[in-house]
Amino acid sequence: MNNPLLTEAIGVYFFDMDTGIEEQVTCNIDGSFTIIINSRLNQERQMLAYQHALLHIANDDFSKKDADSVELTM
């Protein structure tokens, strides 16, 4: 099974962040992923931020060179 969304290799954490940042997703050296959700967001925005991060993982955006163009296509 090569679908990273169907694995336990995604850690999700909630941290207070600047209100301009909703989420951050990182591809770790071991192939797992870390998603950090801004805990200052309401529950609806947190879920949308989580789904946004999952889309980055599903679309293999970490292998792409231009982050700005990745965001524009989302």
PDB file of N, CA and C in Angstrom:
ATOM      1  N   MET A   1       0.854  -1.169   0.000  1.00  0.00           N
ATOM      2  CA  MET A   1       0.000   0.000   0.000  1.00  0.00           C
ATOM      3  C   MET A   1       0.903   1.236   0.000  1.00  0.00           C
ATOM      4  N   ASN A   2       0.806   2.067  -1.044  1.00  0.00           N
ATOM      5  CA  ASN A   2       1.659   3.234  -1.167  1.00  0.00           C
ATOM      6  C   ASN A   2       0.953   4.547  -0.857  1.00  0.00           C
ATOM      7  N   ASN A   3      -0.252   4.501  -0.342  1.00  0.00           N
ATOM      8  CA  ASN A   3      -0.988   5.715  -0.027  1.00  0.00           C
ATOM      9  C   ASN A   3      -0.566   6.220   1.351  1.00  0.00           C
ATOM     10  N   PRO A   4       0.156   7.369   1.417  1.00  0.00           N
ATOM     11  CA  PRO A   4       0.624   7.859   2.711  1.00  0.00           C
ATOM     12  C   PRO A   4      -0.503   8.294   3.634  1.00  0.00           C
ATOM     13  N   LEU A   5      -1.712   8.496   3.085  1.00  0.00           N
ATOM     14  CA  LEU A   5      -2.828   8.899   3.922  1.00  0.00           C
ATOM     15  C   LEU A   5      -3.421   7.723   4.688  1.00  0.00           C
ATOM     16  N   LEU A   6      -3.065   6.508   4.291  1.00  0.00           N
ATOM     17  CA  LEU A   6      -3.581   5.312   4.965  1.00  0.00           C
ATOM     18  C   LEU A   6      -2.509   4.674   5.838  1.00  0.00           C
ATOM     19  N   THR A   7      -1.759   5.484   6.507  1.00  0.00           N
ATOM     20  CA  THR A   7      -0.665   4.999   7.330  1.00  0.00           C
ATOM     21  C   THR A   7      -0.641   5.741   8.660  1.00  0.00           C
ATOM     22  N   GLU A   8       0.070   5.201   9.590  1.00  0.00           N
ATOM     23  CA  GLU A   8       0.239   5.881  10.868  1.00  0.00           C
ATOM     24  C   GLU A   8       1.441   6.809  10.840  1.00  0.00           C
ATOM     25  N   ALA A   9       2.002   7.035   9.673  1.00  0.00           N
ATOM     26  CA  ALA A   9       3.207   7.840   9.546  1.00  0.00           C
ATOM     27  C   ALA A   9       2.902   9.332   9.399  1.00  0.00           C
ATOM     28  N   ILE A  10       1.766   9.759   9.937  1.00  0.00           N
ATOM     29  CA  ILE A  10       1.422  11.174   9.946  1.00  0.00           C
ATOM     30  C   ILE A  10       1.143  11.577  11.385  1.00  0.00           C
ATOM     31  N   GLY A  11       1.983  12.450  11.906  1.00  0.00           N
ATOM     32  CA  GLY A  11       1.771  12.975  13.261  1.00  0.00           C
ATOM     33  C   GLY A  11       1.086  14.324  13.166  1.00  0.00           C
ATOM     34  N   VAL A  12       0.072  14.543  13.980  1.00  0.00           N
ATOM     35  CA  VAL A  12      -0.659  15.811  13.976  1.00  0.00           C
ATOM     36  C   VAL A  12      -0.525  16.442  15.353  1.00  0.00           C
ATOM     37  N   TYR A  13      -0.122  17.702  15.353  1.00  0.00           N
ATOM     38  CA  TYR A  13       0.113  18.432  16.602  1.00  0.00           C
ATOM     39  C   TYR A  13      -0.556  19.792  16.519  1.00  0.00           C
ATOM     40  N   PHE A  14      -0.950  20.319  17.663  1.00  0.00           N
ATOM     41  CA  PHE A  14      -1.587  21.627  17.750  1.00  0.00           C
ATOM     42  C   PHE A  14      -0.689  22.554  18.552  1.00  0.00           C
ATOM     43  N   PHE A  15      -0.367  23.713  17.976  1.00  0.00           N
ATOM     44  CA  PHE A  15       0.472  24.709  18.634  1.00  0.00           C
ATOM     45  C   PHE A  15      -0.113  26.090  18.396  1.00  0.00           C
ATOM     46  N   ASP A  16       0.107  26.985  19.371  1.00  0.00           N
ATOM     47  CA  ASP A  16      -0.216  28.394  19.163  1.00  0.00           C
ATOM     48  C   ASP A  16       0.759  28.957  18.145  1.00  0.00           C
ATOM     49  N   MET A  17       0.234  29.500  17.070  1.00  0.00           N
ATOM     50  CA  MET A  17       1.071  30.106  16.039  1.00  0.00           C
ATOM     51  C   MET A  17       0.507  31.471  15.683  1.00  0.00           C
ATOM     52  N   ASP A  18       1.270  32.240  14.938  1.00  0.00           N
ATOM     53  CA  ASP A  18       0.798  33.509  14.432  1.00  0.00           C
ATOM     54  C   ASP A  18      -0.520  33.281  13.697  1.00  0.00           C
ATOM     55  N   THR A  19      -1.446  34.196  13.827  1.00  0.00           N
ATOM     56  CA  THR A  19      -2.772  33.989  13.243  1.00  0.00           C
ATOM     57  C   THR A  19      -2.755  33.952  11.718  1.00  0.00           C
ATOM     58  N   GLY A  20      -1.675  34.397  11.099  1.00  0.00           N
ATOM     59  CA  GLY A  20      -1.561  34.319   9.648  1.00  0.00           C
ATOM     60  C   GLY A  20      -1.181  32.941   9.145  1.00  0.00           C
ATOM     61  N   ILE A  21      -0.843  32.033  10.056  1.00  0.00           N
ATOM     62  CA  ILE A  21      -0.439  30.674   9.695  1.00  0.00           C
ATOM     63  C   ILE A  21      -1.510  29.715  10.185  1.00  0.00           C
ATOM     64  N   GLU A  22      -2.089  28.949   9.277  1.00  0.00           N
ATOM     65  CA  GLU A  22      -3.127  28.000   9.676  1.00  0.00           C
ATOM     66  C   GLU A  22      -2.566  26.614   9.939  1.00  0.00           C
ATOM     67  N   GLU A  23      -1.612  26.204   9.111  1.00  0.00           N
ATOM     68  CA  GLU A  23      -1.006  24.889   9.284  1.00  0.00           C
ATOM     69  C   GLU A  23       0.373  24.873   8.663  1.00  0.00           C
ATOM     70  N   GLN A  24       1.115  23.875   9.057  1.00  0.00           N
ATOM     71  CA  GLN A  24       2.426  23.627   8.469  1.00  0.00           C
ATOM     72  C   GLN A  24       2.569  22.125   8.338  1.00  0.00           C
ATOM     73  N   VAL A  25       3.063  21.675   7.217  1.00  0.00           N
ATOM     74  CA  VAL A  25       3.259  20.241   7.015  1.00  0.00           C
ATOM     75  C   VAL A  25       4.703  20.023   6.571  1.00  0.00           C
ATOM     76  N   THR A  26       5.311  19.009   7.134  1.00  0.00           N
ATOM     77  CA  THR A  26       6.709  18.712   6.862  1.00  0.00           C
ATOM     78  C   THR A  26       6.860  17.245   6.492  1.00  0.00           C
ATOM     79  N   CYS A  27       7.663  16.987   5.469  1.00  0.00           N
ATOM     80  CA  CYS A  27       8.045  15.618   5.131  1.00  0.00           C
ATOM     81  C   CYS A  27       9.325  15.323   5.900  1.00  0.00           C
ATOM     82  N   ASN A  28       9.274  14.335   6.761  1.00  0.00           N
ATOM     83  CA  ASN A  28      10.413  14.000   7.606  1.00  0.00           C
ATOM     84  C   ASN A  28      11.401  13.101   6.877  1.00  0.00           C
ATOM     85  N   ILE A  29      12.605  13.034   7.393  1.00  0.00           N
ATOM     86  CA  ILE A  29      13.687  12.279   6.744  1.00  0.00           C
ATOM     87  C   ILE A  29      13.351  10.788   6.603  1.00  0.00           C
ATOM     88  N   ASP A  30      12.504  10.259   7.493  1.00  0.00           N
ATOM     89  CA  ASP A  30      12.150   8.837   7.438  1.00  0.00           C
ATOM     90  C   ASP A  30      10.942   8.551   6.540  1.00  0.00           C
ATOM     91  N   GLY A  31      10.444   9.591   5.845  1.00  0.00           N
ATOM     92  CA  GLY A  31       9.294   9.410   4.956  1.00  0.00           C
ATOM     93  C   GLY A  31       7.958   9.660   5.629  1.00  0.00           C
ATOM     94  N   SER A  32       7.961   9.875   6.932  1.00  0.00           N
ATOM     95  CA  SER A  32       6.724  10.206   7.631  1.00  0.00           C
ATOM     96  C   SER A  32       6.436  11.698   7.466  1.00  0.00           C
ATOM     97  N   PHE A  33       5.294  12.132   7.955  1.00  0.00           N
ATOM     98  CA  PHE A  33       4.895  13.529   7.829  1.00  0.00           C
ATOM     99  C   PHE A  33       4.495  14.076   9.191  1.00  0.00           C
ATOM    100  N   THR A  34       4.724  15.360   9.375  1.00  0.00           N
ATOM    101  CA  THR A  34       4.283  16.066  10.569  1.00  0.00           C
ATOM    102  C   THR A  34       3.386  17.208  10.128  1.00  0.00           C
ATOM    103  N   ILE A  35       2.193  17.240  10.693  1.00  0.00           N
ATOM    104  CA  ILE A  35       1.252  18.326  10.438  1.00  0.00           C
ATOM    105  C   ILE A  35       1.090  19.096  11.741  1.00  0.00           C
ATOM    106  N   ILE A  36       1.301  20.409  11.665  1.00  0.00           N
ATOM    107  CA  ILE A  36       1.092  21.272  12.824  1.00  0.00           C
ATOM    108  C   ILE A  36      -0.075  22.190  12.489  1.00  0.00           C
ATOM    109  N   ILE A  37      -1.090  22.149  13.346  1.00  0.00           N
ATOM    110  CA  ILE A  37      -2.302  22.952  13.168  1.00  0.00           C
ATOM    111  C   ILE A  37      -2.279  24.086  14.192  1.00  0.00           C
ATOM    112  N   ASN A  38      -2.650  25.272  13.765  1.00  0.00           N
ATOM    113  CA  ASN A  38      -2.697  26.412  14.668  1.00  0.00           C
ATOM    114  C   ASN A  38      -3.845  26.229  15.657  1.00  0.00           C
ATOM    115  N   SER A  39      -3.522  26.124  16.935  1.00  0.00           N
ATOM    116  CA  SER A  39      -4.543  25.890  17.965  1.00  0.00           C
ATOM    117  C   SER A  39      -5.399  27.131  18.221  1.00  0.00           C
ATOM    118  N   ARG A  40      -5.018  28.265  17.677  1.00  0.00           N
ATOM    119  CA  ARG A  40      -5.811  29.487  17.840  1.00  0.00           C
ATOM    120  C   ARG A  40      -7.005  29.540  16.889  1.00  0.00           C
ATOM    121  N   LEU A  41      -7.041  28.651  15.926  1.00  0.00           N
ATOM    122  CA  LEU A  41      -8.155  28.611  14.977  1.00  0.00           C
ATOM    123  C   LEU A  41      -9.360  27.931  15.617  1.00  0.00           C
ATOM    124  N   ASN A  42     -10.554  28.263  15.122  1.00  0.00           N
ATOM    125  CA  ASN A  42     -11.724  27.530  15.602  1.00  0.00           C
ATOM    126  C   ASN A  42     -11.707  26.124  14.988  1.00  0.00           C
ATOM    127  N   GLN A  43     -12.573  25.280  15.479  1.00  0.00           N
ATOM    128  CA  GLN A  43     -12.561  23.870  15.065  1.00  0.00           C
ATOM    129  C   GLN A  43     -12.784  23.700  13.558  1.00  0.00           C
ATOM    130  N   GLU A  44     -13.650  24.502  12.983  1.00  0.00           N
ATOM    131  CA  GLU A  44     -13.904  24.403  11.543  1.00  0.00           C
ATOM    132  C   GLU A  44     -12.647  24.753  10.743  1.00  0.00           C
ATOM    133  N   ARG A  45     -11.980  25.839  11.097  1.00  0.00           N
ATOM    134  CA  ARG A  45     -10.759  26.241  10.394  1.00  0.00           C
ATOM    135  C   ARG A  45      -9.638  25.228  10.615  1.00  0.00           C
ATOM    136  N   GLN A  46      -9.578  24.632  11.800  1.00  0.00           N
ATOM    137  CA  GLN A  46      -8.578  23.590  12.055  1.00  0.00           C
ATOM    138  C   GLN A  46      -8.784  22.403  11.131  1.00  0.00           C
ATOM    139  N   MET A  47     -10.030  21.996  10.937  1.00  0.00           N
ATOM    140  CA  MET A  47     -10.321  20.870  10.049  1.00  0.00           C
ATOM    141  C   MET A  47      -9.971  21.206   8.609  1.00  0.00           C
ATOM    142  N   LEU A  48     -10.281  22.422   8.177  1.00  0.00           N
ATOM    143  CA  LEU A  48      -9.926  22.839   6.820  1.00  0.00           C
ATOM    144  C   LEU A  48      -8.410  22.880   6.640  1.00  0.00           C
ATOM    145  N   ALA A  49      -7.700  23.341   7.660  1.00  0.00           N
ATOM    146  CA  ALA A  49      -6.238  23.381   7.602  1.00  0.00           C
ATOM    147  C   ALA A  49      -5.669  21.962   7.528  1.00  0.00           C
ATOM    148  N   TYR A  50      -6.256  21.043   8.290  1.00  0.00           N
ATOM    149  CA  TYR A  50      -5.832  19.646   8.267  1.00  0.00           C
ATOM    150  C   TYR A  50      -6.047  19.042   6.872  1.00  0.00           C
ATOM    151  N   GLN A  51      -7.207  19.293   6.298  1.00  0.00           N
ATOM    152  CA  GLN A  51      -7.500  18.782   4.958  1.00  0.00           C
ATOM    153  C   GLN A  51      -6.554  19.380   3.925  1.00  0.00           C
ATOM    154  N   HIS A  52      -6.215  20.640   4.090  1.00  0.00           N
ATOM    155  CA  HIS A  52      -5.267  21.302   3.189  1.00  0.00           C
ATOM    156  C   HIS A  52      -3.903  20.617   3.267  1.00  0.00           C
ATOM    157  N   ALA A  53      -3.458  20.324   4.479  1.00  0.00           N
ATOM    158  CA  ALA A  53      -2.177  19.639   4.665  1.00  0.00           C
ATOM    159  C   ALA A  53      -2.199  18.248   4.040  1.00  0.00           C
ATOM    160  N   LEU A  54      -3.302  17.533   4.207  1.00  0.00           N
ATOM    161  CA  LEU A  54      -3.423  16.197   3.612  1.00  0.00           C
ATOM    162  C   LEU A  54      -3.351  16.263   2.084  1.00  0.00           C
ATOM    163  N   LEU A  55      -3.901  17.310   1.508  1.00  0.00           N
ATOM    164  CA  LEU A  55      -3.814  17.470   0.051  1.00  0.00           C
ATOM    165  C   LEU A  55      -2.364  17.632  -0.402  1.00  0.00           C
ATOM    166  N   HIS A  56      -1.575  18.357   0.385  1.00  0.00           N
ATOM    167  CA  HIS A  56      -0.150  18.491   0.047  1.00  0.00           C
ATOM    168  C   HIS A  56       0.535  17.119   0.058  1.00  0.00           C
ATOM    169  N   ILE A  57       0.191  16.308   1.028  1.00  0.00           N
ATOM    170  CA  ILE A  57       0.783  14.971   1.121  1.00  0.00           C
ATOM    171  C   ILE A  57       0.310  14.114  -0.051  1.00  0.00           C
ATOM    172  N   ALA A  58      -0.991  14.098  -0.298  1.00  0.00           N
ATOM    173  CA  ALA A  58      -1.549  13.260  -1.364  1.00  0.00           C
ATOM    174  C   ALA A  58      -1.035  13.668  -2.740  1.00  0.00           C
ATOM    175  N   ASN A  59      -0.784  14.959  -2.934  1.00  0.00           N
ATOM    176  CA  ASN A  59      -0.311  15.455  -4.227  1.00  0.00           C
ATOM    177  C   ASN A  59       1.206  15.408  -4.372  1.00  0.00           C
ATOM    178  N   ASP A  60       1.894  14.857  -3.366  1.00  0.00           N
ATOM    179  CA  ASP A  60       3.356  14.757  -3.384  1.00  0.00           C
ATOM    180  C   ASP A  60       3.998  16.118  -3.666  1.00  0.00           C
ATOM    181  N   ASP A  61       3.477  17.139  -3.016  1.00  0.00           N
ATOM    182  CA  ASP A  61       3.965  18.499  -3.238  1.00  0.00           C
ATOM    183  C   ASP A  61       5.391  18.721  -2.748  1.00  0.00           C
ATOM    184  N   PHE A  62       5.904  17.824  -1.940  1.00  0.00           N
ATOM    185  CA  PHE A  62       7.252  17.999  -1.396  1.00  0.00           C
ATOM    186  C   PHE A  62       8.328  17.740  -2.430  1.00  0.00           C
ATOM    187  N   SER A  63       7.957  17.121  -3.531  1.00  0.00           N
ATOM    188  CA  SER A  63       8.927  16.871  -4.597  1.00  0.00           C
ATOM    189  C   SER A  63       8.922  17.997  -5.636  1.00  0.00           C
ATOM    190  N   LYS A  64       8.028  18.963  -5.454  1.00  0.00           N
ATOM    191  CA  LYS A  64       7.923  20.074  -6.399  1.00  0.00           C
ATOM    192  C   LYS A  64       8.829  21.221  -5.944  1.00  0.00           C
ATOM    193  N   LYS A  65       9.311  21.971  -6.904  1.00  0.00           N
ATOM    194  CA  LYS A  65      10.300  23.005  -6.602  1.00  0.00           C
ATOM    195  C   LYS A  65       9.706  24.338  -6.191  1.00  0.00           C
ATOM    196  N   ASP A  66       8.554  24.721  -6.708  1.00  0.00           N
ATOM    197  CA  ASP A  66       8.018  26.053  -6.490  1.00  0.00           C
ATOM    198  C   ASP A  66       6.800  25.998  -5.578  1.00  0.00           C
ATOM    199  N   ALA A  67       6.974  26.373  -4.314  1.00  0.00           N
ATOM    200  CA  ALA A  67       5.887  26.315  -3.343  1.00  0.00           C
ATOM    201  C   ALA A  67       4.760  27.278  -3.693  1.00  0.00           C
ATOM    202  N   ASP A  68       5.081  28.430  -4.257  1.00  0.00           N
ATOM    203  CA  ASP A  68       4.035  29.399  -4.602  1.00  0.00           C
ATOM    204  C   ASP A  68       3.078  28.833  -5.652  1.00  0.00           C
ATOM    205  N   SER A  69       3.598  28.164  -6.649  1.00  0.00           N
ATOM    206  CA  SER A  69       2.724  27.593  -7.680  1.00  0.00           C
ATOM    207  C   SER A  69       1.903  26.438  -7.109  1.00  0.00           C
ATOM    208  N   VAL A  70       2.443  25.706  -6.157  1.00  0.00           N
ATOM    209  CA  VAL A  70       1.687  24.628  -5.506  1.00  0.00           C
ATOM    210  C   VAL A  70       0.472  25.210  -4.797  1.00  0.00           C
ATOM    211  N   GLU A  71       0.669  26.297  -4.051  1.00  0.00           N
ATOM    212  CA  GLU A  71      -0.445  26.920  -3.326  1.00  0.00           C
ATOM    213  C   GLU A  71      -1.490  27.487  -4.275  1.00  0.00           C
ATOM    214  N   LEU A  72      -1.062  28.027  -5.392  1.00  0.00           N
ATOM    215  CA  LEU A  72      -2.018  28.598  -6.342  1.00  0.00           C
ATOM    216  C   LEU A  72      -2.911  27.541  -6.973  1.00  0.00           C
ATOM    217  N   THR A  73      -2.429  26.315  -7.096  1.00  0.00           N
ATOM    218  CA  THR A  73      -3.230  25.258  -7.707  1.00  0.00           C
ATOM    219  C   THR A  73      -4.162  24.594  -6.716  1.00  0.00           C
ATOM    220  N   MET A  74      -4.061  24.907  -5.443  1.00  0.00           N
ATOM    221  CA  MET A  74      -4.887  24.248  -4.428  1.00  0.00           C
ATOM    222  C   MET A  74      -6.201  24.940  -4.270  1.00  0.00           C
TER     223      MET A  74
END
